[in-house]
């Protein structure tokens, strides 16, 4: 059996803690009634950012907490979050990267996807951070469409 992604385990824990079923969470998030079940069962391996945002909103959390590693979760819980403008930049990169990746014949695997997103994020921060938002689309397309898979 394949190892379950950590974020799926986090999603299940949040659902259990709040007594929410997959169907009720899907409907409260404005999704089709099987969306969360499909995510939990691995049928939807790469949900779109807006789907994750809707689910996180219903659960009273953020996509960063839902998808983040243990350090990110700890930092968010302690209120140690990055500059909101940096989170917005990262959110925009993830959203655009998801769109571009979804349109590719051979999509990036999760680790490749995360590494590419972080490379773009670091490059844009080095190139000007808050002002770099206008360049996100260009960087995402270049990174994802030129990678060999």
N, C-alpha and C. Protein backbone atom coordinates (compact mmCIF):
# COMPACT_ATOMS: atom_id res chain seq x y z
N UNK A 1 0.84 -1.19 0.00
CA UNK A 1 0.00 0.00 0.00
C UNK A 1 0.88 1.25 0.00
N UNK A 2 0.51 2.24 -0.78
CA UNK A 2 1.29 3.46 -0.88
C UNK A 2 1.21 4.26 0.42
N UNK A 3 2.29 4.97 0.71
CA UNK A 3 2.32 5.83 1.88
C UNK A 3 1.41 7.03 1.64
N UNK A 4 0.62 7.35 2.63
CA UNK A 4 -0.30 8.49 2.51
C UNK A 4 0.45 9.79 2.74
N UNK A 5 0.11 10.80 1.99
CA UNK A 5 0.73 12.11 2.13
C UNK A 5 0.42 12.67 3.52
N UNK A 6 1.40 13.37 4.09
CA UNK A 6 1.22 13.95 5.43
C UNK A 6 0.03 14.90 5.47
N UNK A 7 -0.16 15.65 4.39
CA UNK A 7 -1.26 16.62 4.42
C UNK A 7 -2.62 15.92 4.46
N UNK A 8 -2.72 14.73 3.89
CA UNK A 8 -3.97 13.97 3.95
C UNK A 8 -4.24 13.55 5.40
N UNK A 9 -3.19 13.15 6.09
CA UNK A 9 -3.32 12.77 7.51
C UNK A 9 -3.74 14.00 8.33
N UNK A 10 -3.14 15.15 8.03
CA UNK A 10 -3.53 16.39 8.72
C UNK A 10 -5.00 16.69 8.46
N UNK A 11 -5.42 16.55 7.22
CA UNK A 11 -6.82 16.80 6.86
C UNK A 11 -7.74 15.87 7.65
N UNK A 12 -7.41 14.60 7.71
CA UNK A 12 -8.23 13.64 8.47
C UNK A 12 -8.29 14.00 9.95
N UNK A 13 -7.16 14.41 10.53
CA UNK A 13 -7.13 14.78 11.96
C UNK A 13 -8.02 15.99 12.21
N UNK A 14 -7.94 17.00 11.33
CA UNK A 14 -8.78 18.19 11.49
C UNK A 14 -10.26 17.83 11.35
N UNK A 15 -10.57 16.97 10.41
CA UNK A 15 -11.96 16.54 10.22
C UNK A 15 -12.46 15.79 11.45
N UNK A 16 -11.64 14.87 11.96
CA UNK A 16 -12.03 14.10 13.16
C UNK A 16 -12.24 15.02 14.36
N UNK A 17 -11.33 15.97 14.54
CA UNK A 17 -11.41 16.87 15.69
C UNK A 17 -12.69 17.73 15.64
N UNK A 18 -13.15 18.01 14.42
CA UNK A 18 -14.33 18.86 14.28
C UNK A 18 -15.60 18.05 13.99
N UNK A 19 -15.45 16.74 13.93
CA UNK A 19 -16.62 15.88 13.69
C UNK A 19 -17.25 16.10 12.33
N UNK A 20 -16.43 16.32 11.33
CA UNK A 20 -16.91 16.62 9.98
C UNK A 20 -16.70 15.39 9.09
N UNK A 21 -17.71 15.05 8.32
CA UNK A 21 -17.58 13.94 7.37
C UNK A 21 -17.04 14.49 6.04
N UNK A 22 -16.49 13.62 5.21
CA UNK A 22 -16.02 14.08 3.90
C UNK A 22 -17.12 14.76 3.09
N UNK A 23 -18.31 14.19 3.10
CA UNK A 23 -19.41 14.78 2.34
C UNK A 23 -19.80 16.16 2.87
N UNK A 24 -19.94 16.26 4.20
CA UNK A 24 -20.35 17.55 4.76
C UNK A 24 -19.27 18.62 4.54
N UNK A 25 -18.00 18.23 4.64
CA UNK A 25 -16.92 19.19 4.39
C UNK A 25 -16.95 19.64 2.94
N UNK A 26 -17.15 18.70 2.03
CA UNK A 26 -17.23 19.05 0.61
C UNK A 26 -18.33 20.08 0.36
N UNK A 27 -19.51 19.79 0.90
CA UNK A 27 -20.65 20.68 0.67
C UNK A 27 -20.45 22.04 1.33
N UNK A 28 -19.93 22.06 2.56
CA UNK A 28 -19.68 23.33 3.24
C UNK A 28 -18.64 24.17 2.51
N UNK A 29 -17.71 23.48 1.84
CA UNK A 29 -16.65 24.18 1.10
C UNK A 29 -17.12 24.60 -0.30
N UNK A 30 -18.35 24.26 -0.65
CA UNK A 30 -18.87 24.64 -1.96
C UNK A 30 -18.36 23.75 -3.09
N UNK A 31 -17.98 22.53 -2.74
CA UNK A 31 -17.45 21.58 -3.72
C UNK A 31 -18.51 20.51 -4.00
N UNK A 32 -18.24 19.67 -5.00
CA UNK A 32 -19.19 18.57 -5.22
C UNK A 32 -19.10 17.62 -4.03
N UNK A 33 -20.15 16.87 -3.82
CA UNK A 33 -20.26 16.09 -2.58
C UNK A 33 -19.20 15.01 -2.40
N UNK A 34 -18.50 14.62 -3.45
CA UNK A 34 -17.47 13.57 -3.31
C UNK A 34 -16.05 14.13 -3.36
N UNK A 35 -15.88 15.42 -3.42
CA UNK A 35 -14.55 16.02 -3.60
C UNK A 35 -13.58 15.62 -2.49
N UNK A 36 -13.97 15.79 -1.25
CA UNK A 36 -13.08 15.47 -0.13
C UNK A 36 -12.83 13.97 -0.07
N UNK A 37 -13.85 13.17 -0.28
CA UNK A 37 -13.67 11.72 -0.29
C UNK A 37 -12.66 11.33 -1.37
N UNK A 38 -12.76 11.94 -2.55
CA UNK A 38 -11.83 11.63 -3.63
C UNK A 38 -10.40 12.01 -3.25
N UNK A 39 -10.22 13.10 -2.53
CA UNK A 39 -8.90 13.51 -2.07
C UNK A 39 -8.37 12.49 -1.06
N UNK A 40 -9.21 12.13 -0.09
CA UNK A 40 -8.79 11.18 0.96
C UNK A 40 -8.44 9.81 0.39
N UNK A 41 -9.13 9.41 -0.66
CA UNK A 41 -8.91 8.08 -1.24
C UNK A 41 -7.81 8.10 -2.31
N UNK A 42 -7.24 9.27 -2.57
CA UNK A 42 -6.16 9.35 -3.54
C UNK A 42 -6.60 9.47 -4.98
N UNK A 43 -7.88 9.64 -5.21
CA UNK A 43 -8.37 9.81 -6.58
C UNK A 43 -8.03 11.18 -7.13
N UNK A 44 -8.01 12.18 -6.26
CA UNK A 44 -7.63 13.54 -6.64
C UNK A 44 -6.28 13.81 -5.99
N UNK A 45 -5.21 13.51 -6.70
CA UNK A 45 -3.87 13.60 -6.11
C UNK A 45 -3.34 15.03 -6.04
N UNK A 46 -3.76 15.88 -6.95
CA UNK A 46 -3.27 17.25 -7.00
C UNK A 46 -4.44 18.24 -7.03
N UNK A 47 -5.13 18.39 -5.89
CA UNK A 47 -6.26 19.33 -5.88
C UNK A 47 -5.79 20.76 -6.15
N UNK A 48 -6.64 21.53 -6.79
CA UNK A 48 -6.32 22.92 -7.10
C UNK A 48 -6.22 23.74 -5.81
N UNK A 49 -5.49 24.85 -5.90
CA UNK A 49 -5.31 25.69 -4.72
C UNK A 49 -6.66 26.19 -4.20
N UNK A 50 -7.55 26.62 -5.08
CA UNK A 50 -8.83 27.15 -4.61
C UNK A 50 -9.66 26.08 -3.89
N UNK A 51 -9.50 24.82 -4.28
CA UNK A 51 -10.16 23.73 -3.58
C UNK A 51 -9.60 23.59 -2.17
N UNK A 52 -8.27 23.60 -2.06
CA UNK A 52 -7.62 23.50 -0.74
C UNK A 52 -7.98 24.69 0.14
N UNK A 53 -8.04 25.87 -0.46
CA UNK A 53 -8.38 27.08 0.29
C UNK A 53 -9.81 26.97 0.85
N UNK A 54 -10.73 26.50 0.04
CA UNK A 54 -12.12 26.33 0.50
C UNK A 54 -12.22 25.33 1.64
N UNK A 55 -11.51 24.22 1.52
CA UNK A 55 -11.50 23.20 2.58
C UNK A 55 -10.88 23.77 3.85
N UNK A 56 -9.75 24.44 3.71
CA UNK A 56 -9.06 25.03 4.87
C UNK A 56 -9.95 26.06 5.56
N UNK A 57 -10.64 26.89 4.78
CA UNK A 57 -11.52 27.91 5.36
C UNK A 57 -12.60 27.26 6.23
N UNK A 58 -13.22 26.21 5.74
CA UNK A 58 -14.27 25.52 6.51
C UNK A 58 -13.70 24.95 7.80
N UNK A 59 -12.47 24.44 7.73
CA UNK A 59 -11.84 23.83 8.91
C UNK A 59 -11.19 24.87 9.83
N UNK A 60 -11.28 26.14 9.45
CA UNK A 60 -10.72 27.19 10.30
C UNK A 60 -9.21 27.23 10.30
N UNK A 61 -8.60 26.87 9.19
CA UNK A 61 -7.15 26.88 9.09
C UNK A 61 -6.74 27.50 7.76
N UNK A 62 -5.51 27.31 7.40
CA UNK A 62 -4.99 27.86 6.16
C UNK A 62 -4.44 26.73 5.29
N UNK A 63 -4.34 26.96 3.98
CA UNK A 63 -3.69 25.96 3.14
C UNK A 63 -2.25 25.69 3.58
N UNK A 64 -1.57 26.72 4.07
CA UNK A 64 -0.19 26.54 4.53
C UNK A 64 -0.13 25.56 5.70
N UNK A 65 -1.07 25.66 6.63
CA UNK A 65 -1.10 24.72 7.75
C UNK A 65 -1.49 23.33 7.27
N UNK A 66 -2.52 23.28 6.43
CA UNK A 66 -3.00 22.00 5.93
C UNK A 66 -1.92 21.24 5.16
N UNK A 67 -1.19 21.94 4.31
CA UNK A 67 -0.21 21.30 3.43
C UNK A 67 1.21 21.37 3.98
N UNK A 68 1.43 22.15 5.03
CA UNK A 68 2.78 22.40 5.51
C UNK A 68 3.43 21.24 6.23
N UNK A 69 4.75 21.35 6.35
CA UNK A 69 5.50 20.35 7.12
C UNK A 69 5.35 20.67 8.60
N UNK A 70 5.93 19.85 9.46
CA UNK A 70 5.77 20.02 10.90
C UNK A 70 6.27 21.37 11.39
N UNK A 71 7.41 21.85 10.87
CA UNK A 71 7.95 23.14 11.30
C UNK A 71 7.00 24.28 10.91
N UNK A 72 6.47 24.22 9.70
CA UNK A 72 5.53 25.25 9.26
C UNK A 72 4.31 25.27 10.16
N UNK A 73 3.79 24.09 10.48
CA UNK A 73 2.61 24.01 11.36
C UNK A 73 2.90 24.58 12.74
N UNK A 74 4.07 24.27 13.27
CA UNK A 74 4.46 24.78 14.58
C UNK A 74 4.60 26.30 14.53
N UNK A 75 5.27 26.81 13.50
CA UNK A 75 5.45 28.25 13.37
C UNK A 75 4.12 28.97 13.21
N UNK A 76 3.23 28.40 12.41
CA UNK A 76 1.91 29.02 12.24
C UNK A 76 1.13 29.00 13.55
N UNK A 77 1.18 27.89 14.27
CA UNK A 77 0.46 27.77 15.54
C UNK A 77 0.98 28.76 16.57
N UNK A 78 2.28 29.04 16.53
CA UNK A 78 2.90 29.98 17.48
C UNK A 78 2.80 31.43 17.02
N UNK A 79 2.20 31.64 15.85
CA UNK A 79 2.09 32.99 15.34
C UNK A 79 3.36 33.48 14.64
N UNK A 80 4.29 32.58 14.40
CA UNK A 80 5.54 32.94 13.72
C UNK A 80 5.36 32.72 12.22
N UNK A 81 4.59 33.58 11.60
CA UNK A 81 4.37 33.43 10.16
C UNK A 81 5.19 34.47 9.41
N UNK A 82 5.53 34.17 8.18
CA UNK A 82 6.28 35.15 7.39
C UNK A 82 5.45 36.39 7.10
N UNK A 83 6.09 37.37 6.57
CA UNK A 83 5.44 38.60 6.11
C UNK A 83 4.23 38.20 5.25
N UNK A 84 3.04 38.76 5.54
CA UNK A 84 1.85 38.40 4.75
C UNK A 84 2.05 38.57 3.24
N UNK A 85 2.82 39.56 2.84
CA UNK A 85 3.08 39.74 1.40
C UNK A 85 3.84 38.55 0.84
N UNK A 86 4.74 37.98 1.64
CA UNK A 86 5.48 36.81 1.18
C UNK A 86 4.56 35.59 1.07
N UNK A 87 3.63 35.46 2.02
CA UNK A 87 2.67 34.36 1.94
C UNK A 87 1.79 34.51 0.71
N UNK A 88 1.39 35.73 0.41
CA UNK A 88 0.58 35.97 -0.79
C UNK A 88 1.36 35.62 -2.05
N UNK A 89 2.65 35.98 -2.08
CA UNK A 89 3.49 35.65 -3.22
C UNK A 89 3.58 34.13 -3.37
N UNK A 90 3.84 33.43 -2.28
CA UNK A 90 3.94 31.98 -2.33
C UNK A 90 2.61 31.36 -2.75
N UNK A 91 1.52 31.89 -2.23
CA UNK A 91 0.19 31.40 -2.60
C UNK A 91 -0.05 31.57 -4.10
N UNK A 92 0.33 32.71 -4.63
CA UNK A 92 0.15 32.96 -6.06
C UNK A 92 1.01 32.01 -6.90
N UNK A 93 2.23 31.77 -6.46
CA UNK A 93 3.11 30.83 -7.18
C UNK A 93 2.49 29.44 -7.18
N UNK A 94 2.01 28.99 -6.04
CA UNK A 94 1.40 27.66 -5.95
C UNK A 94 0.18 27.56 -6.85
N UNK A 95 -0.67 28.58 -6.81
CA UNK A 95 -1.88 28.56 -7.63
C UNK A 95 -1.54 28.51 -9.12
N UNK A 96 -0.63 29.36 -9.55
CA UNK A 96 -0.26 29.37 -10.97
C UNK A 96 0.48 28.11 -11.37
N UNK A 97 1.35 27.61 -10.50
CA UNK A 97 2.08 26.38 -10.80
C UNK A 97 1.11 25.20 -10.92
N UNK A 98 0.08 25.17 -10.08
CA UNK A 98 -0.93 24.10 -10.17
C UNK A 98 -1.63 24.13 -11.51
N UNK A 99 -1.97 25.33 -11.97
CA UNK A 99 -2.64 25.47 -13.27
C UNK A 99 -1.74 25.00 -14.40
N UNK A 100 -0.50 25.47 -14.41
CA UNK A 100 0.44 25.10 -15.48
C UNK A 100 0.73 23.61 -15.44
N UNK A 101 1.02 23.10 -14.25
CA UNK A 101 1.34 21.67 -14.09
C UNK A 101 0.16 20.80 -14.54
N UNK A 102 -1.04 21.22 -14.22
CA UNK A 102 -2.23 20.46 -14.59
C UNK A 102 -2.43 20.36 -16.09
N UNK A 103 -1.90 21.33 -16.83
CA UNK A 103 -2.04 21.34 -18.28
C UNK A 103 -0.93 20.61 -19.02
N UNK A 104 0.03 20.08 -18.30
CA UNK A 104 1.15 19.38 -18.93
C UNK A 104 0.79 17.92 -19.19
N UNK A 105 1.32 17.38 -20.29
CA UNK A 105 1.09 15.96 -20.58
C UNK A 105 1.71 15.09 -19.50
N UNK A 106 2.91 15.43 -19.07
CA UNK A 106 3.58 14.70 -18.00
C UNK A 106 3.77 15.66 -16.84
N UNK A 107 2.94 15.53 -15.83
CA UNK A 107 2.95 16.45 -14.69
C UNK A 107 4.11 16.16 -13.75
N UNK A 108 4.53 17.21 -13.06
CA UNK A 108 5.58 17.08 -12.05
C UNK A 108 5.06 16.22 -10.89
N UNK A 109 5.92 15.39 -10.35
CA UNK A 109 5.58 14.62 -9.15
C UNK A 109 5.55 15.60 -7.98
N UNK A 110 4.91 15.23 -6.86
CA UNK A 110 4.79 16.17 -5.74
C UNK A 110 6.11 16.78 -5.28
N UNK A 111 7.17 15.97 -5.15
CA UNK A 111 8.45 16.53 -4.70
C UNK A 111 9.03 17.49 -5.74
N UNK A 112 8.90 17.15 -7.02
CA UNK A 112 9.37 18.04 -8.09
C UNK A 112 8.58 19.34 -8.07
N UNK A 113 7.27 19.20 -7.87
CA UNK A 113 6.39 20.36 -7.82
C UNK A 113 6.82 21.29 -6.68
N UNK A 114 6.99 20.72 -5.48
CA UNK A 114 7.38 21.52 -4.32
C UNK A 114 8.74 22.17 -4.52
N UNK A 115 9.70 21.41 -5.05
CA UNK A 115 11.04 21.96 -5.29
C UNK A 115 10.98 23.10 -6.31
N UNK A 116 10.18 22.94 -7.34
CA UNK A 116 10.06 23.99 -8.35
C UNK A 116 9.42 25.25 -7.78
N UNK A 117 8.36 25.06 -6.99
CA UNK A 117 7.69 26.20 -6.36
C UNK A 117 8.67 26.95 -5.46
N UNK A 118 9.43 26.21 -4.65
CA UNK A 118 10.39 26.87 -3.75
C UNK A 118 11.49 27.57 -4.53
N UNK A 119 11.95 27.00 -5.63
CA UNK A 119 12.98 27.64 -6.44
C UNK A 119 12.45 28.96 -7.02
N UNK A 120 11.22 28.94 -7.51
CA UNK A 120 10.61 30.17 -8.04
C UNK A 120 10.45 31.20 -6.93
N UNK A 121 9.96 30.77 -5.78
CA UNK A 121 9.75 31.65 -4.63
C UNK A 121 11.06 32.32 -4.21
N UNK A 122 12.10 31.52 -4.07
CA UNK A 122 13.40 32.07 -3.65
C UNK A 122 13.94 33.05 -4.70
N UNK A 123 13.77 32.71 -5.98
CA UNK A 123 14.25 33.59 -7.04
C UNK A 123 13.51 34.93 -7.01
N UNK A 124 12.21 34.86 -6.88
CA UNK A 124 11.43 36.09 -6.87
C UNK A 124 11.73 36.94 -5.63
N UNK A 125 11.94 36.30 -4.48
CA UNK A 125 12.32 37.07 -3.28
C UNK A 125 13.67 37.74 -3.49
N UNK A 126 14.61 37.01 -4.08
CA UNK A 126 15.94 37.58 -4.34
C UNK A 126 15.86 38.73 -5.34
N UNK A 127 14.90 38.64 -6.27
CA UNK A 127 14.76 39.66 -7.32
C UNK A 127 13.89 40.84 -6.90
N UNK A 128 13.37 40.84 -5.67
CA UNK A 128 12.59 42.00 -5.25
C UNK A 128 11.36 41.70 -4.44
N UNK A 129 11.09 40.45 -4.19
CA UNK A 129 10.02 40.06 -3.28
C UNK A 129 8.66 40.62 -3.61
N UNK A 130 8.24 41.62 -2.86
CA UNK A 130 6.89 42.15 -2.96
C UNK A 130 6.58 42.68 -4.36
N UNK A 131 7.59 43.23 -5.03
CA UNK A 131 7.39 43.78 -6.36
C UNK A 131 7.38 42.69 -7.43
N UNK A 132 7.79 41.49 -7.07
CA UNK A 132 7.98 40.42 -8.04
C UNK A 132 6.69 39.73 -8.46
N UNK A 133 5.59 40.04 -7.83
CA UNK A 133 4.34 39.36 -8.11
C UNK A 133 3.98 39.38 -9.59
N UNK A 134 4.29 40.47 -10.26
CA UNK A 134 3.95 40.57 -11.68
C UNK A 134 4.72 39.58 -12.54
N UNK A 135 5.83 39.05 -12.04
CA UNK A 135 6.65 38.11 -12.80
C UNK A 135 6.32 36.65 -12.51
N UNK A 136 5.37 36.38 -11.65
CA UNK A 136 5.09 35.01 -11.23
C UNK A 136 4.75 34.13 -12.43
N UNK A 137 3.80 34.55 -13.24
CA UNK A 137 3.38 33.74 -14.38
C UNK A 137 4.52 33.37 -15.30
N UNK A 138 5.36 34.34 -15.60
CA UNK A 138 6.51 34.10 -16.49
C UNK A 138 7.44 33.06 -15.88
N UNK A 139 7.77 33.20 -14.62
CA UNK A 139 8.69 32.26 -13.95
C UNK A 139 8.10 30.86 -13.86
N UNK A 140 6.81 30.77 -13.57
CA UNK A 140 6.16 29.47 -13.44
C UNK A 140 6.18 28.74 -14.78
N UNK A 141 5.79 29.43 -15.83
CA UNK A 141 5.76 28.80 -17.15
C UNK A 141 7.15 28.35 -17.55
N UNK A 142 8.15 29.21 -17.35
CA UNK A 142 9.52 28.84 -17.70
C UNK A 142 9.99 27.62 -16.93
N UNK A 143 9.74 27.60 -15.63
CA UNK A 143 10.22 26.51 -14.78
C UNK A 143 9.55 25.17 -15.12
N UNK A 144 8.23 25.19 -15.25
CA UNK A 144 7.51 23.94 -15.43
C UNK A 144 7.55 23.41 -16.86
N UNK A 145 7.52 24.29 -17.83
CA UNK A 145 7.46 23.81 -19.20
C UNK A 145 8.85 23.45 -19.74
N UNK A 146 9.91 23.87 -19.07
CA UNK A 146 11.24 23.55 -19.57
C UNK A 146 11.90 22.40 -18.82
N UNK A 147 11.27 21.92 -17.74
CA UNK A 147 11.84 20.80 -16.98
C UNK A 147 11.67 19.50 -17.74
N UNK A 148 12.68 18.67 -17.67
CA UNK A 148 12.59 17.33 -18.27
C UNK A 148 12.01 16.39 -17.25
N UNK A 149 11.06 15.58 -17.68
CA UNK A 149 10.43 14.60 -16.78
C UNK A 149 10.52 13.24 -17.40
